[in-house]
Structure formats: C-alpha cells, structure tokens
C-alpha cells in the first residue's frame, strides 16, 4: 500500500485526542477508522471530513510512500 495515514494519528496525538474515540465521536465510521489504521483505501469524502474536522490539508494527514521495488 502506497498511502500511509501515520501523519493523521501523529496529528491527533499532538493535539491531545484519543484517535479512535475522537474519530468515532466526530462521525467517522468505526470501519473507516480501522481502514485508516491499516493504511487501506478510504474515499475522498473521508479525507474531506478529516480535513474539515482538523482544519488541515490532505498532506497533513497522509503521505505517499512508494512501494519497494522487488
């Protein structure tokens, strides 16, 4: 998987939020929270919601990491 959401969880921690609880309390479905934790695909509506809630840009919550060449 090339997209990583570790920046999202670092930002939440930096702001003093319990990531899973805070995300669920703000309208992010539990299944989507699990996808974010596993760096799985989420739709752009989710990215939009996260950026609105955190007042940030997409690059603040996710990053592209190229797959290792095999």
N, C-alpha and C. Protein backbone atom coordinates (compact mmCIF):
# COMPACT_ATOMS: atom_id res chain seq x y z
N UNK A 1 0.85 -1.18 0.00
CA UNK A 1 0.00 0.00 0.00
C UNK A 1 0.89 1.23 0.00
N UNK A 2 0.61 2.17 -0.85
CA UNK A 2 1.48 3.33 -1.01
C UNK A 2 1.04 4.55 -0.19
N UNK A 3 -0.21 4.63 0.21
CA UNK A 3 -0.68 5.76 1.01
C UNK A 3 -0.66 5.36 2.48
N UNK A 4 -0.06 6.20 3.29
CA UNK A 4 0.06 5.95 4.73
C UNK A 4 -0.67 7.05 5.49
N UNK A 5 -1.34 6.68 6.57
CA UNK A 5 -2.08 7.64 7.39
C UNK A 5 -1.43 7.87 8.75
N UNK A 6 -0.17 7.53 8.88
CA UNK A 6 0.52 7.72 10.16
C UNK A 6 0.56 9.19 10.56
N UNK A 7 0.58 10.09 9.58
CA UNK A 7 0.57 11.52 9.89
C UNK A 7 -0.75 11.93 10.57
N UNK A 8 -1.85 11.29 10.20
CA UNK A 8 -3.14 11.57 10.83
C UNK A 8 -3.08 11.25 12.31
N UNK A 9 -2.60 10.06 12.64
CA UNK A 9 -2.57 9.64 14.03
C UNK A 9 -1.54 10.42 14.85
N UNK A 10 -0.45 10.84 14.21
CA UNK A 10 0.52 11.70 14.89
C UNK A 10 -0.10 13.06 15.18
N UNK A 11 -0.86 13.60 14.22
CA UNK A 11 -1.52 14.89 14.41
C UNK A 11 -2.56 14.82 15.52
N UNK A 12 -3.33 13.75 15.55
CA UNK A 12 -4.32 13.58 16.61
C UNK A 12 -3.64 13.52 17.98
N UNK A 13 -2.56 12.78 18.05
CA UNK A 13 -1.83 12.66 19.32
C UNK A 13 -1.25 14.02 19.73
N UNK A 14 -0.70 14.73 18.77
CA UNK A 14 -0.13 16.06 19.02
C UNK A 14 -1.17 17.01 19.59
N UNK A 15 -2.40 16.87 19.11
CA UNK A 15 -3.48 17.75 19.57
C UNK A 15 -4.18 17.21 20.82
N UNK A 16 -3.71 16.09 21.32
CA UNK A 16 -4.23 15.54 22.56
C UNK A 16 -5.52 14.77 22.44
N UNK A 17 -5.81 14.25 21.23
CA UNK A 17 -7.02 13.48 21.01
C UNK A 17 -6.73 11.98 21.08
N UNK A 18 -7.62 11.24 21.71
CA UNK A 18 -7.57 9.78 21.66
C UNK A 18 -8.09 9.41 20.28
N UNK A 19 -7.23 8.93 19.42
CA UNK A 19 -7.56 8.81 18.00
C UNK A 19 -8.85 8.07 17.70
N UNK A 20 -8.97 6.84 18.13
CA UNK A 20 -10.15 6.05 17.78
C UNK A 20 -11.42 6.68 18.33
N UNK A 21 -11.41 7.04 19.60
CA UNK A 21 -12.59 7.63 20.22
C UNK A 21 -12.95 8.95 19.55
N UNK A 22 -11.97 9.81 19.35
CA UNK A 22 -12.22 11.13 18.78
C UNK A 22 -12.78 11.01 17.36
N UNK A 23 -12.21 10.15 16.55
CA UNK A 23 -12.69 9.98 15.18
C UNK A 23 -14.14 9.50 15.17
N UNK A 24 -14.44 8.50 15.99
CA UNK A 24 -15.81 7.96 16.03
C UNK A 24 -16.80 8.99 16.55
N UNK A 25 -16.40 9.78 17.54
CA UNK A 25 -17.29 10.80 18.09
C UNK A 25 -17.56 11.93 17.10
N UNK A 26 -16.71 12.06 16.10
CA UNK A 26 -16.86 13.12 15.11
C UNK A 26 -17.36 12.61 13.77
N UNK A 27 -18.01 11.45 13.77
CA UNK A 27 -18.71 11.00 12.57
C UNK A 27 -17.95 10.08 11.64
N UNK A 28 -16.77 9.62 12.04
CA UNK A 28 -16.04 8.68 11.19
C UNK A 28 -16.45 7.28 11.63
N UNK A 29 -16.99 6.52 10.70
CA UNK A 29 -17.50 5.18 10.97
C UNK A 29 -16.37 4.29 11.51
N UNK A 30 -16.68 3.41 12.47
CA UNK A 30 -15.66 2.52 13.02
C UNK A 30 -14.91 1.71 11.96
N UNK A 31 -15.61 1.26 10.93
CA UNK A 31 -14.94 0.50 9.86
C UNK A 31 -13.93 1.38 9.13
N UNK A 32 -14.24 2.65 8.98
CA UNK A 32 -13.33 3.57 8.32
C UNK A 32 -12.11 3.85 9.20
N UNK A 33 -12.33 3.96 10.50
CA UNK A 33 -11.21 4.14 11.43
C UNK A 33 -10.25 2.95 11.31
N UNK A 34 -10.80 1.76 11.23
CA UNK A 34 -9.96 0.56 11.07
C UNK A 34 -9.19 0.58 9.76
N UNK A 35 -9.83 1.04 8.69
CA UNK A 35 -9.14 1.16 7.40
C UNK A 35 -7.98 2.14 7.50
N UNK A 36 -8.22 3.27 8.17
CA UNK A 36 -7.15 4.26 8.32
C UNK A 36 -5.97 3.68 9.09
N UNK A 37 -6.27 2.94 10.14
CA UNK A 37 -5.21 2.33 10.95
C UNK A 37 -4.40 1.31 10.16
N UNK A 38 -5.06 0.64 9.21
CA UNK A 38 -4.40 -0.38 8.40
C UNK A 38 -3.84 0.18 7.09
N UNK A 39 -3.93 1.49 6.92
CA UNK A 39 -3.48 2.16 5.68
C UNK A 39 -4.19 1.60 4.45
N UNK A 40 -5.47 1.29 4.61
CA UNK A 40 -6.27 0.81 3.49
C UNK A 40 -6.95 1.99 2.80
N UNK A 41 -7.55 1.74 1.68
CA UNK A 41 -8.20 2.78 0.89
C UNK A 41 -9.41 3.36 1.61
N UNK A 42 -9.52 4.67 1.56
CA UNK A 42 -10.72 5.38 2.02
C UNK A 42 -11.11 6.34 0.92
N UNK A 43 -12.38 6.75 0.88
CA UNK A 43 -12.80 7.62 -0.20
C UNK A 43 -12.49 9.09 0.10
N UNK A 44 -12.64 9.91 -0.90
CA UNK A 44 -12.30 11.32 -0.75
C UNK A 44 -13.26 12.04 0.20
N UNK A 45 -14.46 11.53 0.37
CA UNK A 45 -15.37 12.13 1.35
C UNK A 45 -14.79 12.00 2.76
N UNK A 46 -14.14 10.89 3.03
CA UNK A 46 -13.50 10.70 4.33
C UNK A 46 -12.34 11.67 4.51
N UNK A 47 -11.52 11.80 3.48
CA UNK A 47 -10.39 12.74 3.54
C UNK A 47 -10.91 14.16 3.74
N UNK A 48 -11.97 14.51 3.04
CA UNK A 48 -12.58 15.83 3.18
C UNK A 48 -13.06 16.06 4.61
N UNK A 49 -13.77 15.08 5.18
CA UNK A 49 -14.27 15.20 6.55
C UNK A 49 -13.13 15.39 7.54
N UNK A 50 -12.09 14.59 7.41
CA UNK A 50 -10.94 14.69 8.31
C UNK A 50 -10.29 16.07 8.22
N UNK A 51 -10.13 16.57 7.00
CA UNK A 51 -9.53 17.89 6.82
C UNK A 51 -10.41 18.99 7.41
N UNK A 52 -11.72 18.86 7.28
CA UNK A 52 -12.63 19.83 7.89
C UNK A 52 -12.54 19.78 9.41
N UNK A 53 -12.57 18.59 9.98
CA UNK A 53 -12.53 18.43 11.43
C UNK A 53 -11.23 18.95 12.03
N UNK A 54 -10.14 18.72 11.32
CA UNK A 54 -8.82 19.08 11.85
C UNK A 54 -8.28 20.40 11.31
N UNK A 55 -9.05 21.02 10.41
CA UNK A 55 -8.63 22.29 9.79
C UNK A 55 -7.21 22.15 9.23
N UNK A 56 -7.07 21.20 8.31
CA UNK A 56 -5.76 20.92 7.74
C UNK A 56 -5.89 20.56 6.26
N UNK A 57 -4.77 20.31 5.64
CA UNK A 57 -4.70 19.91 4.24
C UNK A 57 -4.48 18.39 4.17
N UNK A 58 -4.85 17.74 3.05
CA UNK A 58 -4.66 16.30 2.94
C UNK A 58 -3.23 15.85 3.23
N UNK A 59 -2.26 16.62 2.81
CA UNK A 59 -0.86 16.27 3.06
C UNK A 59 -0.47 16.29 4.53
N UNK A 60 -1.32 16.89 5.36
CA UNK A 60 -1.06 16.92 6.79
C UNK A 60 -1.48 15.61 7.47
N UNK A 61 -2.30 14.81 6.79
CA UNK A 61 -2.83 13.59 7.41
C UNK A 61 -2.45 12.31 6.68
N UNK A 62 -1.87 12.45 5.49
CA UNK A 62 -1.49 11.26 4.74
C UNK A 62 -0.28 11.56 3.88
N UNK A 63 0.41 10.50 3.48
CA UNK A 63 1.57 10.67 2.62
C UNK A 63 1.70 9.49 1.67
N UNK A 64 2.30 9.75 0.54
CA UNK A 64 2.57 8.71 -0.44
C UNK A 64 3.96 8.13 -0.17
N UNK A 65 4.01 6.83 -0.03
CA UNK A 65 5.28 6.13 0.18
C UNK A 65 5.37 5.09 -0.94
N UNK A 66 6.33 5.24 -1.85
CA UNK A 66 6.43 4.28 -2.95
C UNK A 66 6.66 2.87 -2.45
N UNK A 67 6.07 1.91 -3.14
CA UNK A 67 6.28 0.50 -2.81
C UNK A 67 7.74 0.15 -3.11
N UNK A 68 8.30 -0.72 -2.32
CA UNK A 68 9.67 -1.18 -2.57
C UNK A 68 9.70 -1.97 -3.87
N UNK A 69 10.72 -1.73 -4.65
CA UNK A 69 10.84 -2.48 -5.91
C UNK A 69 11.32 -3.88 -5.61
N UNK A 70 10.70 -4.84 -6.27
CA UNK A 70 11.06 -6.22 -5.99
C UNK A 70 11.61 -6.91 -7.11
